[in-house]
Amino acid sequence: MSDTSQAIESGAFRDQAWSTKWLVVGLGFLALWYSIRFVDLEWMARWSVWTHLLVALLVPQAFLLLFPFLARDKNQARRIRVPGFERWLVEMAIAVPVVIATVFVLGGLEYLVGQLWPGKTLVPDAISNMAASSPRYVYPILLFSFTFAPVAEEVFFRGFLYNAFRRRMPVFIAGILQSFIFGFCHCFGTTHAVIAVGLGIVLTLVYQWRKTLVSAVFVHAGLNLVCAIGVMAMMAQYAERPMLGVVGGESDTECIVREVLPNSGASEAGIEVGDRIVSFDSRPVANFTELVALVATRQPNETVPLILVRDGETLGVDVTLKRCGDTMQSP
């Protein structure tokens, strides 16, 4: 690619004078997106999992991709030119060692945490819960995570947000602030948010170094692909474990049923979407993570008593746990 062509490519976002109005709109959307996690889970439990994914994942990601293009000043915006094939190969070759090095650092941190605090892990509960869920929900999310999502998020966070900050403050502060926002928009808990902030810094450094979003997209997609492979490996391990057959919410105080899997012990016991599980075999259940941990202590084909609350009424049901692989493969 010629120097002129490269300048056009790198300047499509980097040299844009993003207006304060559009910066406020973009930040406002992120605040709205983040606030979804504070919506009453019992109300959200009435949604199907697909509706929840549409509202909380697909629509926001589509906004992240389209907004920076719509917010560009058409009078002074440079033409966006797709880089040539050779440039793609170069940026991919650069991204591979960056991904490998980042994964090794994360692996080292995970090992260190396990040594210092036995039983602790950097893996978010949401990842473990995903691995124990039905593939019909998990596989589309994983595919989305290393295809569409990296493009949308790099266009917004590095292409738009970082460059808008960079024109208003020192580059170092702009990079840290943008990475902080990026991290806490991916929050599955404080630990995951801190890790995501670190990954945001890595992606920002790659973008600042290469002056093109292509490199950052490749690194982002590579990291998400590694995570997706890890989730699928965990799913293979979970196949022989017992499963109740419910999909829960990410709440620290409640265990709300968002989805009941067909051909599962939960569906056969009459558990319904919106039920709040409060006890598993006489042991209190505070959230979905605790429920998953309790189920994991049992064996397939065991029958256990549950206490749940439905429309303010306390009910008791007996549920026969099934093999996870059998339940997840059911139509």
Protein backbone atom coordinates (compact mmCIF):
# COMPACT_ATOMS: atom_id res chain seq x y z
CA MET A 1 0.00 0.00 0.00
CA SER A 2 1.30 3.46 -0.87
CA ASP A 3 2.09 6.03 1.81
CA THR A 4 -0.86 8.14 0.63
CA SER A 5 -3.26 5.21 0.80
CA GLN A 6 -2.01 4.29 4.27
CA ALA A 7 -2.47 7.87 5.44
CA ILE A 8 -6.05 7.86 4.17
CA GLU A 9 -6.74 4.62 5.97
CA SER A 10 -5.22 5.66 9.29
CA GLY A 11 -6.69 9.15 9.14
CA ALA A 12 -10.29 8.07 8.59
CA PHE A 13 -10.81 8.15 12.35
CA ARG A 14 -7.56 9.50 13.80
CA ASP A 15 -7.79 12.92 12.14
CA GLN A 16 -11.52 13.33 12.68
CA ALA A 17 -12.58 16.33 14.79
CA TRP A 18 -15.28 14.57 16.79
CA SER A 19 -17.80 17.09 18.11
CA THR A 20 -18.57 17.26 21.83
CA LYS A 21 -22.24 16.65 21.05
CA TRP A 22 -21.55 13.24 19.51
CA LEU A 23 -19.06 12.35 22.24
CA VAL A 24 -21.77 12.98 24.85
CA VAL A 25 -24.26 10.90 22.85
CA GLY A 26 -21.78 8.02 22.59
CA LEU A 27 -20.98 8.09 26.32
CA GLY A 28 -24.68 8.37 27.11
CA PHE A 29 -25.37 5.21 25.14
CA LEU A 30 -22.64 3.35 27.02
CA ALA A 31 -24.19 4.47 30.33
CA LEU A 32 -27.60 3.23 29.14
CA TRP A 33 -26.11 -0.08 28.02
CA TYR A 34 -24.32 -0.50 31.34
CA SER A 35 -27.52 0.27 33.25
CA ILE A 36 -29.25 -2.79 31.80
CA ARG A 37 -27.57 -4.92 34.47
CA PHE A 38 -29.48 -2.98 37.14
CA VAL A 39 -32.91 -3.70 35.65
CA ASP A 40 -35.12 -5.84 37.89
CA LEU A 41 -34.21 -9.44 37.08
CA GLU A 42 -37.64 -10.81 37.90
CA TRP A 43 -39.09 -8.55 35.21
CA MET A 44 -36.35 -9.44 32.72
CA ALA A 45 -36.92 -13.12 33.45
CA ARG A 46 -40.15 -12.84 31.46
CA TRP A 47 -38.08 -12.34 28.34
CA SER A 48 -36.84 -15.29 26.37
CA VAL A 49 -33.09 -15.80 26.22
CA TRP A 50 -33.13 -14.79 22.54
CA THR A 51 -34.93 -11.53 23.35
CA HIS A 52 -32.44 -10.81 26.11
CA LEU A 53 -29.51 -11.42 23.74
CA LEU A 54 -31.09 -9.18 21.11
CA VAL A 55 -31.61 -6.28 23.53
CA ALA A 56 -28.42 -6.65 25.58
CA LEU A 57 -25.99 -7.84 22.89
CA LEU A 58 -26.91 -7.55 19.22
CA VAL A 59 -28.57 -4.11 19.21
CA PRO A 60 -25.83 -2.45 21.33
CA GLN A 61 -23.08 -3.96 19.19
CA ALA A 62 -24.80 -2.74 16.02
CA PHE A 63 -24.89 0.76 17.54
CA LEU A 64 -21.18 0.58 18.37
CA LEU A 65 -20.38 -0.23 14.76
CA LEU A 66 -22.66 2.29 13.03
CA PHE A 67 -22.51 5.28 15.36
CA PRO A 68 -18.90 6.39 14.62
CA PHE A 69 -19.65 6.46 10.88
CA LEU A 70 -22.86 8.44 11.36
CA ALA A 71 -21.16 10.87 13.77
CA ARG A 72 -18.28 11.76 11.44
CA ASP A 73 -18.16 15.33 10.16
CA LYS A 74 -18.90 14.80 6.48
CA ASN A 75 -17.30 18.11 5.53
CA GLN A 76 -13.83 17.23 6.82
CA ALA A 77 -13.95 13.42 7.08
CA ARG A 78 -11.40 11.52 5.08
CA ARG A 79 -12.50 8.77 2.76
CA ILE A 80 -12.36 5.29 4.30
CA ARG A 81 -10.35 2.93 2.17
CA VAL A 82 -10.15 -0.82 2.79
CA PRO A 83 -6.47 -1.84 3.09
CA GLY A 84 -4.97 -4.13 0.49
CA PHE A 85 -4.47 -7.86 0.90
CA GLU A 86 -0.78 -7.51 1.76
CA ARG A 87 -1.56 -5.07 4.57
CA TRP A 88 -4.10 -7.48 6.01
CA LEU A 89 -1.49 -10.24 6.05
CA VAL A 90 1.08 -7.98 7.73
CA GLU A 91 -1.34 -6.87 10.44
CA MET A 92 -2.49 -10.45 11.03
CA ALA A 93 1.13 -11.58 11.37
CA ILE A 94 1.72 -8.83 13.94
CA ALA A 95 -1.47 -9.70 15.84
CA VAL A 96 -0.60 -13.39 16.33
CA PRO A 97 2.40 -12.92 18.67
CA VAL A 98 0.54 -10.15 20.54
CA VAL A 99 -2.35 -12.55 21.19
CA ILE A 100 0.01 -15.35 22.26
CA ALA A 101 1.93 -13.06 24.61
CA THR A 102 -1.28 -11.71 26.16
CA VAL A 103 -2.66 -15.21 26.69
CA PHE A 104 0.59 -16.29 28.37
CA VAL A 105 0.45 -13.28 30.70
CA LEU A 106 -3.16 -14.05 31.63
CA GLY A 107 -2.27 -17.70 32.15
CA GLY A 108 0.58 -16.68 34.43
CA LEU A 109 -1.72 -14.43 36.44
CA GLU A 110 -4.26 -17.25 36.76
CA TYR A 111 -1.54 -19.58 38.05
CA LEU A 112 -0.30 -16.93 40.49
CA VAL A 113 -3.81 -16.31 41.83
CA GLY A 114 -4.32 -20.05 42.30
CA GLN A 115 -1.08 -20.32 44.26
CA LEU A 116 -1.68 -17.30 46.48
CA TRP A 117 -5.42 -17.83 47.00
CA PRO A 118 -6.29 -21.53 46.54
CA GLY A 119 -9.73 -21.97 45.03
CA LYS A 120 -9.78 -18.50 43.50
CA THR A 121 -9.80 -17.95 39.74
CA LEU A 122 -9.74 -15.09 37.24
CA VAL A 123 -12.38 -16.86 35.13
CA PRO A 124 -15.66 -14.91 35.51
CA ASP A 125 -18.66 -16.81 36.84
CA ALA A 126 -20.49 -15.85 33.65
CA ILE A 127 -18.03 -17.94 31.61
CA SER A 128 -18.56 -20.97 33.84
CA ASN A 129 -22.31 -20.50 33.67
CA MET A 130 -22.11 -20.21 29.88
CA ALA A 131 -20.16 -23.45 29.65
CA ALA A 132 -22.92 -25.17 31.63
CA SER A 133 -25.68 -23.82 29.37
CA SER A 134 -27.28 -25.13 26.21
CA PRO A 135 -25.14 -24.99 23.04
CA ARG A 136 -28.05 -23.55 21.09
CA TYR A 137 -27.51 -20.34 23.07
CA VAL A 138 -23.77 -20.56 23.64
CA TYR A 139 -22.51 -21.32 20.14
CA PRO A 140 -24.10 -18.24 18.48
CA ILE A 141 -22.69 -16.04 21.26
CA LEU A 142 -19.21 -17.51 20.85
CA LEU A 143 -19.31 -17.08 17.07
CA PHE A 144 -20.48 -13.49 17.50
CA SER A 145 -17.68 -12.83 20.02
CA PHE A 146 -14.79 -13.30 17.58
CA THR A 147 -16.45 -12.13 14.34
CA PHE A 148 -18.79 -9.14 14.61
CA ALA A 149 -18.07 -7.93 18.15
CA PRO A 150 -14.33 -7.18 17.68
CA VAL A 151 -15.05 -5.07 14.60
CA ALA A 152 -17.87 -3.13 16.25
CA GLU A 153 -15.99 -2.54 19.50
CA GLU A 154 -12.74 -1.48 17.86
CA VAL A 155 -14.53 0.97 15.58
CA PHE A 156 -16.27 2.52 18.60
CA PHE A 157 -13.74 2.34 21.45
CA ARG A 158 -10.48 2.83 19.58
CA GLY A 159 -11.71 4.47 16.36
CA PHE A 160 -14.21 6.89 17.90
CA LEU A 161 -13.85 7.16 21.69
CA TYR A 162 -10.06 7.06 21.99
CA ASN A 163 -9.55 9.53 19.15
CA ALA A 164 -12.24 11.86 20.54
CA PHE A 165 -10.48 11.82 23.92
CA ARG A 166 -7.05 12.16 22.29
CA ARG A 167 -8.04 15.51 20.78
CA ARG A 168 -9.11 16.81 24.17
CA MET A 169 -6.44 15.51 26.56
CA PRO A 170 -2.93 14.00 26.59
CA VAL A 171 -2.64 10.70 24.71
CA PHE A 172 -1.69 8.75 27.86
CA ILE A 173 -4.75 9.93 29.79
CA ALA A 174 -6.99 9.38 26.75
CA GLY A 175 -5.78 5.78 26.45
CA ILE A 176 -6.28 5.01 30.15
CA LEU A 177 -9.70 6.64 30.33
CA GLN A 178 -10.97 4.92 27.19
CA SER A 179 -9.61 1.55 28.37
CA PHE A 180 -11.29 2.02 31.75
CA ILE A 181 -14.64 2.65 30.06
CA PHE A 182 -14.07 -0.31 27.72
CA GLY A 183 -13.31 -2.58 30.66
CA PHE A 184 -16.31 -1.72 32.78
CA CYS A 185 -18.65 -2.05 29.79
CA HIS A 186 -17.56 -5.73 29.80
CA CYS A 187 -18.14 -6.20 33.51
CA PHE A 188 -18.93 -9.73 34.73
CA GLY A 189 -17.68 -8.69 38.14
CA THR A 190 -14.85 -6.50 39.39
CA THR A 191 -12.09 -9.00 38.57
CA HIS A 192 -13.24 -9.37 34.97
CA ALA A 193 -13.59 -5.60 34.62
CA VAL A 194 -9.99 -5.05 35.74
CA ILE A 195 -8.76 -7.67 33.27
CA ALA A 196 -10.81 -6.06 30.50
CA VAL A 197 -9.25 -2.68 31.32
CA GLY A 198 -5.82 -4.27 30.86
CA LEU A 199 -6.88 -5.77 27.54
CA GLY A 200 -8.22 -2.37 26.50
CA ILE A 201 -4.79 -0.87 27.15
CA VAL A 202 -3.16 -3.59 25.03
CA LEU A 203 -5.59 -2.94 22.17
CA THR A 204 -5.04 0.81 22.43
CA LEU A 205 -1.25 0.39 22.31
CA VAL A 206 -1.56 -1.82 19.23
CA TYR A 207 -3.78 0.75 17.53
CA GLN A 208 -1.52 3.64 18.48
CA TRP A 209 1.50 1.72 17.17
CA ARG A 210 0.03 0.51 13.86
CA LYS A 211 -2.19 3.54 13.15
CA THR A 212 -4.93 1.25 11.80
CA LEU A 213 -7.89 -0.50 13.35
CA VAL A 214 -7.10 -3.65 11.38
CA SER A 215 -4.39 -4.72 13.84
CA ALA A 216 -6.56 -4.03 16.87
CA VAL A 217 -9.45 -5.98 15.33
CA PHE A 218 -7.20 -8.99 14.69
CA VAL A 219 -5.84 -8.91 18.26
CA HIS A 220 -9.31 -8.49 19.72
CA ALA A 221 -10.73 -11.30 17.59
CA GLY A 222 -7.80 -13.56 18.46
CA LEU A 223 -8.25 -13.06 22.20
CA ASN A 224 -11.98 -13.69 21.96
CA LEU A 225 -11.34 -16.79 19.85
CA VAL A 226 -9.02 -18.20 22.52
CA CYS A 227 -11.72 -17.52 25.11
CA ALA A 228 -14.34 -19.22 22.91
CA ILE A 229 -12.14 -22.30 22.55
CA GLY A 230 -11.76 -22.37 26.33
CA VAL A 231 -15.53 -22.22 26.81
CA MET A 232 -16.03 -25.09 24.37
CA ALA A 233 -13.41 -27.14 26.23
CA MET A 234 -15.27 -26.46 29.47
CA MET A 235 -18.52 -27.50 27.80
CA ALA A 236 -16.96 -30.84 26.89
CA GLN A 237 -15.99 -31.33 30.54
CA TYR A 238 -19.48 -30.40 31.71
CA ALA A 239 -21.14 -32.96 29.41
CA GLU A 240 -20.86 -35.73 32.02
CA ARG A 241 -22.02 -33.57 34.89
CA PRO A 242 -25.55 -33.33 36.28
CA MET A 243 -27.80 -30.52 35.08
CA LEU A 244 -30.94 -29.01 36.54
CA GLY A 245 -32.01 -27.51 33.21
CA VAL A 246 -32.47 -23.79 33.92
CA VAL A 247 -30.73 -20.68 32.62
CA GLY A 248 -30.24 -18.11 35.37
CA GLY A 249 -29.50 -14.42 35.67
CA GLU A 250 -26.26 -12.74 36.72
CA SER A 251 -27.45 -11.53 40.13
CA ASP A 252 -25.61 -11.48 43.43
CA THR A 253 -28.82 -11.64 45.47
CA GLU A 254 -31.35 -13.77 43.57
CA CYS A 255 -31.59 -16.92 41.48
CA ILE A 256 -34.22 -16.06 38.87
CA VAL A 257 -35.08 -18.60 36.16
CA ARG A 258 -34.84 -16.95 32.74
CA GLU A 259 -35.18 -20.07 30.62
CA VAL A 260 -36.15 -23.68 31.20
CA LEU A 261 -34.41 -26.14 28.89
CA PRO A 262 -36.61 -28.72 27.15
CA ASN A 263 -36.25 -32.39 28.07
CA SER A 264 -34.64 -31.40 31.37
CA GLY A 265 -35.41 -32.27 34.97
CA ALA A 266 -36.57 -28.69 35.54
CA SER A 267 -39.10 -28.79 32.69
CA GLU A 268 -40.44 -32.18 33.82
CA ALA A 269 -40.80 -30.86 37.40
CA GLY A 270 -42.87 -27.89 36.19
CA ILE A 271 -40.37 -25.11 36.92
CA GLU A 272 -41.33 -21.96 34.99
CA VAL A 273 -39.62 -18.84 33.70
CA GLY A 274 -39.74 -16.19 36.43
CA ASP A 275 -39.54 -18.64 39.32
CA ARG A 276 -37.05 -17.69 42.03
CA ILE A 277 -35.15 -20.69 43.41
CA VAL A 278 -34.42 -20.19 47.10
CA SER A 279 -33.41 -23.66 48.26
CA PHE A 280 -31.69 -26.73 46.77
CA ASP A 281 -31.92 -29.90 48.88
CA SER A 282 -32.57 -27.82 52.02
CA ARG A 283 -29.57 -25.55 51.31
CA PRO A 284 -30.27 -21.85 50.66
CA VAL A 285 -29.51 -20.51 47.17
CA ALA A 286 -28.48 -16.86 46.89
CA ASN A 287 -27.80 -16.70 43.14
CA PHE A 288 -27.40 -18.77 40.01
CA THR A 289 -23.69 -19.31 40.61
CA GLU A 290 -24.44 -20.96 43.96
CA LEU A 291 -27.09 -23.12 42.31
CA VAL A 292 -24.62 -24.35 39.68
CA ALA A 293 -22.11 -25.18 42.42
CA LEU A 294 -24.71 -27.16 44.41
CA VAL A 295 -25.87 -29.10 41.36
CA ALA A 296 -22.25 -30.01 40.59
CA THR A 297 -21.99 -31.87 43.92
CA ARG A 298 -24.66 -34.38 42.87
CA GLN A 299 -24.89 -37.15 40.26
CA PRO A 300 -27.10 -37.57 37.18
CA ASN A 301 -30.43 -39.30 37.89
CA GLU A 302 -30.49 -38.12 41.51
CA THR A 303 -33.76 -36.55 42.67
CA VAL A 304 -33.46 -33.47 44.88
CA PRO A 305 -36.08 -31.21 46.51
CA LEU A 306 -36.23 -27.53 45.54
CA ILE A 307 -38.09 -24.64 47.11
CA LEU A 308 -39.04 -21.78 44.81
CA VAL A 309 -41.17 -18.67 44.85
CA ARG A 310 -43.69 -18.06 42.07
CA ASP A 311 -45.86 -14.94 42.08
CA GLY A 312 -45.31 -14.55 45.82
CA GLU A 313 -46.26 -18.16 46.59
CA THR A 314 -43.71 -20.64 47.99
CA LEU A 315 -43.69 -24.00 46.24
CA GLY A 316 -41.78 -27.24 46.73
CA VAL A 317 -40.83 -29.49 43.80
CA ASP A 318 -38.72 -32.60 43.34
CA VAL A 319 -36.35 -32.48 40.37
CA THR A 320 -34.47 -35.39 38.82
CA LEU A 321 -31.09 -34.20 37.59
CA LYS A 322 -30.10 -35.34 34.11
CA ARG A 323 -26.77 -35.75 32.39
CA CYS A 324 -25.68 -32.35 31.11
CA GLY A 325 -24.74 -33.64 27.66
CA ASP A 326 -28.14 -35.26 27.17
CA THR A 327 -30.04 -32.13 28.17
CA MET A 328 -27.93 -29.75 26.07
CA GLN A 329 -28.26 -31.89 22.96
CA SER A 330 -32.05 -32.12 23.18
CA PRO A 331 -34.05 -30.23 20.55
